[in-house]
N, C-alpha and C. Protein backbone atom coordinates (compact mmCIF):
# COMPACT_ATOMS: atom_id res chain seq x y z
N UNK A 1 11.88 -15.09 18.41
CA UNK A 1 10.78 -15.97 18.06
C UNK A 1 9.82 -15.26 17.14
N UNK A 2 9.34 -15.91 16.12
CA UNK A 2 8.42 -15.32 15.17
C UNK A 2 7.00 -15.27 15.78
N UNK A 3 6.43 -14.12 15.67
CA UNK A 3 5.05 -13.95 16.16
C UNK A 3 4.13 -13.94 14.92
N UNK A 4 3.27 -14.95 14.86
CA UNK A 4 2.38 -15.09 13.73
C UNK A 4 1.12 -14.22 13.96
N UNK A 5 0.82 -13.38 12.98
CA UNK A 5 -0.32 -12.54 13.00
C UNK A 5 -1.14 -12.73 11.77
N UNK A 6 -2.17 -13.61 11.79
CA UNK A 6 -2.97 -13.88 10.59
C UNK A 6 -3.62 -12.60 9.98
N UNK A 7 -3.97 -11.66 10.75
CA UNK A 7 -4.56 -10.44 10.21
C UNK A 7 -3.53 -9.69 9.35
N UNK A 8 -2.31 -9.58 9.87
CA UNK A 8 -1.26 -8.93 9.13
C UNK A 8 -0.92 -9.75 7.86
N UNK A 9 -0.97 -11.03 7.97
CA UNK A 9 -0.73 -11.90 6.77
C UNK A 9 -1.72 -11.58 5.68
N UNK A 10 -2.99 -11.39 6.04
CA UNK A 10 -4.02 -11.10 5.02
C UNK A 10 -3.80 -9.74 4.40
N UNK A 11 -3.36 -8.77 5.25
CA UNK A 11 -3.07 -7.43 4.69
C UNK A 11 -1.94 -7.50 3.64
N UNK A 12 -0.82 -8.20 4.03
CA UNK A 12 0.27 -8.32 3.07
C UNK A 12 -0.10 -9.08 1.82
N UNK A 13 -0.90 -10.11 1.99
CA UNK A 13 -1.37 -10.90 0.83
C UNK A 13 -2.19 -10.00 -0.07
N UNK A 14 -3.06 -9.18 0.49
CA UNK A 14 -3.87 -8.26 -0.29
C UNK A 14 -3.06 -7.21 -1.03
N UNK A 15 -1.99 -6.74 -0.33
CA UNK A 15 -1.15 -5.66 -0.89
C UNK A 15 -0.13 -6.26 -1.89
N UNK A 16 -0.05 -7.59 -2.02
CA UNK A 16 0.95 -8.12 -2.93
C UNK A 16 0.59 -7.88 -4.41
N UNK A 17 -0.64 -7.51 -4.67
CA UNK A 17 -1.07 -7.25 -5.99
C UNK A 17 -1.05 -5.73 -6.33
N UNK A 18 -0.42 -5.41 -7.48
CA UNK A 18 -0.26 -3.94 -7.79
C UNK A 18 -1.64 -3.25 -8.00
N UNK A 19 -2.64 -3.95 -8.51
CA UNK A 19 -3.92 -3.29 -8.66
C UNK A 19 -4.52 -2.96 -7.33
N UNK A 20 -4.41 -3.89 -6.37
CA UNK A 20 -4.94 -3.62 -5.06
C UNK A 20 -4.19 -2.50 -4.35
N UNK A 21 -2.85 -2.44 -4.59
CA UNK A 21 -2.11 -1.33 -3.98
C UNK A 21 -2.55 0.00 -4.61
N UNK A 22 -2.82 0.01 -5.90
CA UNK A 22 -3.29 1.24 -6.55
C UNK A 22 -4.66 1.69 -6.00
N UNK A 23 -5.52 0.69 -5.74
CA UNK A 23 -6.86 1.01 -5.15
C UNK A 23 -6.65 1.61 -3.76
N UNK A 24 -5.81 1.00 -2.95
CA UNK A 24 -5.56 1.53 -1.58
C UNK A 24 -4.96 2.91 -1.65
N UNK A 25 -4.01 3.12 -2.58
CA UNK A 25 -3.38 4.46 -2.74
C UNK A 25 -4.48 5.45 -3.06
N UNK A 26 -5.41 5.11 -3.94
CA UNK A 26 -6.51 6.04 -4.29
C UNK A 26 -7.41 6.31 -3.05
N UNK A 27 -7.68 5.27 -2.32
CA UNK A 27 -8.60 5.43 -1.19
C UNK A 27 -7.98 6.18 -0.03
N UNK A 28 -6.67 6.16 0.05
CA UNK A 28 -6.03 6.95 1.08
C UNK A 28 -6.36 8.47 0.92
N UNK A 29 -6.58 8.88 -0.31
CA UNK A 29 -6.92 10.29 -0.60
C UNK A 29 -8.38 10.57 -0.21
N UNK A 30 -9.20 9.54 -0.07
CA UNK A 30 -10.59 9.77 0.31
C UNK A 30 -11.48 8.67 -0.27
N UNK A 31 -12.72 8.60 0.21
CA UNK A 31 -13.65 7.60 -0.25
C UNK A 31 -13.96 7.71 -1.74
N UNK A 32 -14.31 6.59 -2.37
CA UNK A 32 -14.60 6.60 -3.79
C UNK A 32 -15.62 5.47 -4.07
N UNK A 33 -16.40 5.72 -5.11
CA UNK A 33 -17.33 4.63 -5.49
C UNK A 33 -16.56 3.57 -6.28
N UNK A 34 -17.17 2.42 -6.41
CA UNK A 34 -16.55 1.32 -7.13
C UNK A 34 -16.28 1.78 -8.59
N UNK A 35 -17.23 2.47 -9.18
CA UNK A 35 -17.02 2.90 -10.58
C UNK A 35 -15.90 3.93 -10.69
N UNK A 36 -15.74 4.76 -9.70
CA UNK A 36 -14.63 5.74 -9.71
C UNK A 36 -13.28 5.00 -9.57
N UNK A 37 -13.26 3.95 -8.78
CA UNK A 37 -12.06 3.15 -8.59
C UNK A 37 -11.71 2.41 -9.88
N UNK A 38 -12.77 1.95 -10.58
CA UNK A 38 -12.59 1.14 -11.76
C UNK A 38 -12.14 1.97 -12.94
N UNK A 39 -12.57 3.24 -13.00
CA UNK A 39 -12.32 4.08 -14.15
C UNK A 39 -10.90 4.05 -14.70
N UNK A 40 -9.88 4.30 -13.86
CA UNK A 40 -8.53 4.34 -14.48
C UNK A 40 -7.87 2.97 -14.68
N UNK A 41 -8.55 1.91 -14.24
CA UNK A 41 -7.93 0.59 -14.28
C UNK A 41 -8.26 -0.12 -15.61
N UNK A 42 -7.30 -0.80 -16.16
CA UNK A 42 -7.53 -1.51 -17.49
C UNK A 42 -8.18 -2.91 -17.23
N UNK A 43 -9.35 -2.93 -16.64
CA UNK A 43 -10.02 -4.21 -16.37
C UNK A 43 -11.51 -3.96 -16.23
N UNK A 44 -12.23 -5.03 -16.21
CA UNK A 44 -13.69 -4.89 -16.09
C UNK A 44 -14.10 -4.48 -14.67
N UNK A 45 -15.30 -3.99 -14.52
CA UNK A 45 -15.84 -3.66 -13.26
C UNK A 45 -15.91 -4.90 -12.34
N UNK A 46 -16.23 -6.02 -12.91
CA UNK A 46 -16.31 -7.29 -12.11
C UNK A 46 -14.94 -7.63 -11.57
N UNK A 47 -13.88 -7.42 -12.32
CA UNK A 47 -12.52 -7.66 -11.85
C UNK A 47 -12.15 -6.76 -10.68
N UNK A 48 -12.53 -5.51 -10.82
CA UNK A 48 -12.27 -4.53 -9.74
C UNK A 48 -13.03 -4.93 -8.45
N UNK A 49 -14.26 -5.40 -8.61
CA UNK A 49 -15.07 -5.84 -7.47
C UNK A 49 -14.35 -7.05 -6.83
N UNK A 50 -13.76 -7.94 -7.56
CA UNK A 50 -13.03 -9.04 -6.97
C UNK A 50 -11.81 -8.51 -6.17
N UNK A 51 -11.14 -7.59 -6.69
CA UNK A 51 -9.98 -6.98 -5.93
C UNK A 51 -10.50 -6.34 -4.65
N UNK A 52 -11.59 -5.64 -4.75
CA UNK A 52 -12.16 -4.98 -3.57
C UNK A 52 -12.57 -6.01 -2.52
N UNK A 53 -13.07 -7.17 -2.94
CA UNK A 53 -13.44 -8.23 -2.02
C UNK A 53 -12.22 -8.71 -1.22
N UNK A 54 -11.09 -8.84 -1.93
CA UNK A 54 -9.83 -9.23 -1.27
C UNK A 54 -9.46 -8.17 -0.25
N UNK A 55 -9.50 -6.92 -0.64
CA UNK A 55 -9.14 -5.80 0.26
C UNK A 55 -10.07 -5.74 1.48
N UNK A 56 -11.37 -5.97 1.24
CA UNK A 56 -12.33 -5.97 2.36
C UNK A 56 -12.04 -7.16 3.27
N UNK A 57 -11.71 -8.33 2.70
CA UNK A 57 -11.39 -9.51 3.48
C UNK A 57 -10.18 -9.32 4.37
N UNK A 58 -9.24 -8.50 3.91
CA UNK A 58 -8.05 -8.21 4.69
C UNK A 58 -8.34 -7.19 5.82
N UNK A 59 -9.43 -6.47 5.67
CA UNK A 59 -9.78 -5.43 6.64
C UNK A 59 -9.26 -4.07 6.23
N UNK A 60 -8.52 -3.98 5.17
CA UNK A 60 -7.92 -2.68 4.71
C UNK A 60 -8.93 -1.71 4.22
N UNK A 61 -10.02 -2.30 3.61
CA UNK A 61 -11.04 -1.46 2.96
C UNK A 61 -12.43 -1.90 3.47
N UNK A 62 -13.30 -0.93 3.63
CA UNK A 62 -14.67 -1.29 3.94
C UNK A 62 -15.54 -0.49 2.93
N UNK A 63 -16.74 -1.00 2.72
CA UNK A 63 -17.62 -0.36 1.78
C UNK A 63 -19.05 -0.33 2.33
N UNK A 64 -19.84 0.59 1.79
CA UNK A 64 -21.22 0.65 2.15
C UNK A 64 -22.02 1.02 0.91
N UNK A 65 -23.19 0.48 0.81
CA UNK A 65 -24.04 0.74 -0.34
C UNK A 65 -25.17 1.62 0.04
N UNK A 66 -25.28 2.75 -0.63
CA UNK A 66 -26.40 3.65 -0.43
C UNK A 66 -27.08 3.80 -1.83
N UNK A 67 -28.26 3.29 -1.89
CA UNK A 67 -28.97 3.29 -3.18
C UNK A 67 -28.29 2.32 -4.08
N UNK A 68 -27.87 2.81 -5.26
CA UNK A 68 -27.20 1.96 -6.23
C UNK A 68 -25.65 2.17 -6.18
N UNK A 69 -25.19 3.01 -5.31
CA UNK A 69 -23.76 3.35 -5.27
C UNK A 69 -23.10 2.70 -4.10
N UNK A 70 -22.05 1.94 -4.39
CA UNK A 70 -21.22 1.33 -3.32
C UNK A 70 -20.00 2.20 -3.16
N UNK A 71 -19.79 2.77 -1.96
CA UNK A 71 -18.65 3.65 -1.66
C UNK A 71 -17.64 2.90 -0.78
N UNK A 72 -16.40 3.03 -1.18
CA UNK A 72 -15.34 2.33 -0.46
C UNK A 72 -14.44 3.34 0.29
N UNK A 73 -13.91 2.93 1.38
CA UNK A 73 -12.97 3.79 2.11
C UNK A 73 -11.91 2.90 2.79
N UNK A 74 -10.75 3.47 2.96
CA UNK A 74 -9.68 2.74 3.62
C UNK A 74 -10.02 2.67 5.13
N UNK A 75 -9.53 1.57 5.75
CA UNK A 75 -9.79 1.42 7.17
C UNK A 75 -8.53 1.86 7.91
N UNK A 76 -8.52 3.07 8.48
CA UNK A 76 -7.26 3.62 9.04
C UNK A 76 -6.63 2.77 10.12
N UNK A 77 -7.42 2.13 10.96
CA UNK A 77 -6.80 1.34 12.04
C UNK A 77 -5.97 0.17 11.49
N UNK A 78 -6.41 -0.45 10.43
CA UNK A 78 -5.67 -1.58 9.84
C UNK A 78 -4.41 -1.03 9.14
N UNK A 79 -4.56 0.06 8.48
CA UNK A 79 -3.42 0.68 7.82
C UNK A 79 -2.38 1.11 8.84
N UNK A 80 -2.85 1.66 9.95
CA UNK A 80 -1.94 2.10 11.03
C UNK A 80 -1.22 0.89 11.67
N UNK A 81 -1.94 -0.19 11.86
CA UNK A 81 -1.30 -1.38 12.41
C UNK A 81 -0.18 -1.92 11.51
N UNK A 82 -0.43 -1.84 10.22
CA UNK A 82 0.56 -2.28 9.22
C UNK A 82 1.77 -1.34 9.27
N UNK A 83 1.54 -0.07 9.34
CA UNK A 83 2.63 0.95 9.43
C UNK A 83 3.42 0.73 10.72
N UNK A 84 2.76 0.37 11.81
CA UNK A 84 3.45 0.11 13.09
C UNK A 84 4.33 -1.08 12.97
N UNK A 85 3.90 -2.08 12.26
CA UNK A 85 4.72 -3.30 12.04
C UNK A 85 6.03 -2.92 11.23
N UNK A 86 5.85 -2.10 10.21
CA UNK A 86 6.98 -1.67 9.45
C UNK A 86 7.94 -0.83 10.29
N UNK A 87 7.38 0.05 11.10
CA UNK A 87 8.22 0.89 11.98
C UNK A 87 9.01 0.04 12.95
N UNK A 88 8.38 -1.02 13.48
CA UNK A 88 9.12 -1.93 14.36
C UNK A 88 10.23 -2.67 13.67
N UNK A 89 9.97 -3.05 12.45
CA UNK A 89 11.02 -3.75 11.68
C UNK A 89 12.17 -2.76 11.35
N UNK A 90 11.81 -1.54 11.01
CA UNK A 90 12.83 -0.54 10.69
C UNK A 90 13.74 -0.29 11.94
N UNK A 91 13.12 -0.17 13.10
CA UNK A 91 13.85 0.09 14.30
C UNK A 91 14.80 -1.11 14.61
N UNK A 92 14.29 -2.31 14.46
CA UNK A 92 15.09 -3.52 14.68
C UNK A 92 16.29 -3.54 13.75
N UNK A 93 16.10 -3.30 12.48
CA UNK A 93 17.17 -3.39 11.50
C UNK A 93 18.15 -2.21 11.69
N UNK A 94 17.68 -1.04 12.08
CA UNK A 94 18.60 0.07 12.32
C UNK A 94 19.54 -0.26 13.47
N UNK A 95 18.97 -0.85 14.52
CA UNK A 95 19.77 -1.30 15.68
C UNK A 95 20.80 -2.32 15.25
N UNK A 96 20.35 -3.31 14.52
CA UNK A 96 21.25 -4.33 14.03
C UNK A 96 22.42 -3.76 13.16
N UNK A 97 22.06 -2.85 12.29
CA UNK A 97 23.09 -2.27 11.38
C UNK A 97 24.03 -1.36 12.21
N UNK A 98 23.51 -0.68 13.21
CA UNK A 98 24.35 0.12 14.05
C UNK A 98 25.33 -0.78 14.80
N UNK A 99 24.84 -1.85 15.30
CA UNK A 99 25.75 -2.83 16.05
C UNK A 99 26.78 -3.42 15.09
N UNK A 100 26.39 -3.76 13.87
CA UNK A 100 27.34 -4.26 12.90
C UNK A 100 28.40 -3.23 12.56
N UNK A 101 27.97 -1.94 12.42
CA UNK A 101 28.96 -0.87 12.19
C UNK A 101 29.91 -0.74 13.33
N UNK A 102 29.44 -0.88 14.54
CA UNK A 102 30.34 -0.80 15.73
C UNK A 102 31.34 -1.99 15.72
N UNK A 103 30.85 -3.18 15.42
CA UNK A 103 31.74 -4.33 15.37
C UNK A 103 32.81 -4.20 14.26
N UNK A 104 32.39 -3.70 13.13
CA UNK A 104 33.35 -3.51 12.02
C UNK A 104 34.38 -2.40 12.38
N UNK A 105 33.91 -1.37 13.02
CA UNK A 105 34.83 -0.28 13.42
C UNK A 105 35.85 -0.83 14.42
N UNK A 106 35.34 -1.61 15.41
CA UNK A 106 36.28 -2.19 16.41
C UNK A 106 37.27 -3.14 15.70
N UNK A 107 36.84 -3.92 14.78
CA UNK A 107 37.71 -4.84 14.07
C UNK A 107 38.73 -4.05 13.25
N UNK A 108 38.35 -2.98 12.61
CA UNK A 108 39.28 -2.17 11.85
C UNK A 108 40.35 -1.56 12.74
N UNK A 109 39.88 -1.03 13.88
CA UNK A 109 40.80 -0.44 14.84
C UNK A 109 41.81 -1.46 15.31
N UNK A 110 41.34 -2.66 15.66
CA UNK A 110 42.28 -3.73 16.13
C UNK A 110 43.32 -4.07 15.08
N UNK A 111 42.83 -4.16 13.83
CA UNK A 111 43.73 -4.54 12.70
C UNK A 111 44.78 -3.44 12.55
N UNK A 112 44.40 -2.15 12.58
CA UNK A 112 45.32 -1.08 12.42
C UNK A 112 46.33 -1.05 13.54
N UNK A 113 45.89 -1.34 14.76
CA UNK A 113 46.80 -1.37 15.92
C UNK A 113 47.84 -2.45 15.75
N UNK A 114 47.42 -3.61 15.25
CA UNK A 114 48.32 -4.76 15.04
C UNK A 114 49.36 -4.40 13.95
N UNK A 115 48.94 -3.72 12.92
CA UNK A 115 49.80 -3.34 11.82
C UNK A 115 50.89 -2.33 12.26
N UNK A 116 50.45 -1.48 13.23
CA UNK A 116 51.43 -0.45 13.68
C UNK A 116 52.53 -1.09 14.53
N UNK A 117 52.27 -2.20 15.18
CA UNK A 117 53.25 -2.86 16.05
C UNK A 117 54.29 -3.62 15.30
């Protein structure tokens, strides 16, 4: 049965955009100001702020303003929850592939035994 997790949906929606993934990749290395995040990106500061709003809405990023500088940082708990989801999926698929391999090996064995007779 599918378990619906709206928080996880927002994270994946936010990460669907390459610019937002680039921002998260940068923030994983440490906090940065909005202008530092915008510097390497080929867009206006206003466009970067819109991307940051989506990331903040997903919970992946949080920011605080001190004076005139808004500093952003990744939210480790949300990132960890997303990683845990991927780990669970990987485990599930590894088990399924292992089972498929066993079934195919059994089938091949049976076929070879029939051919020998």
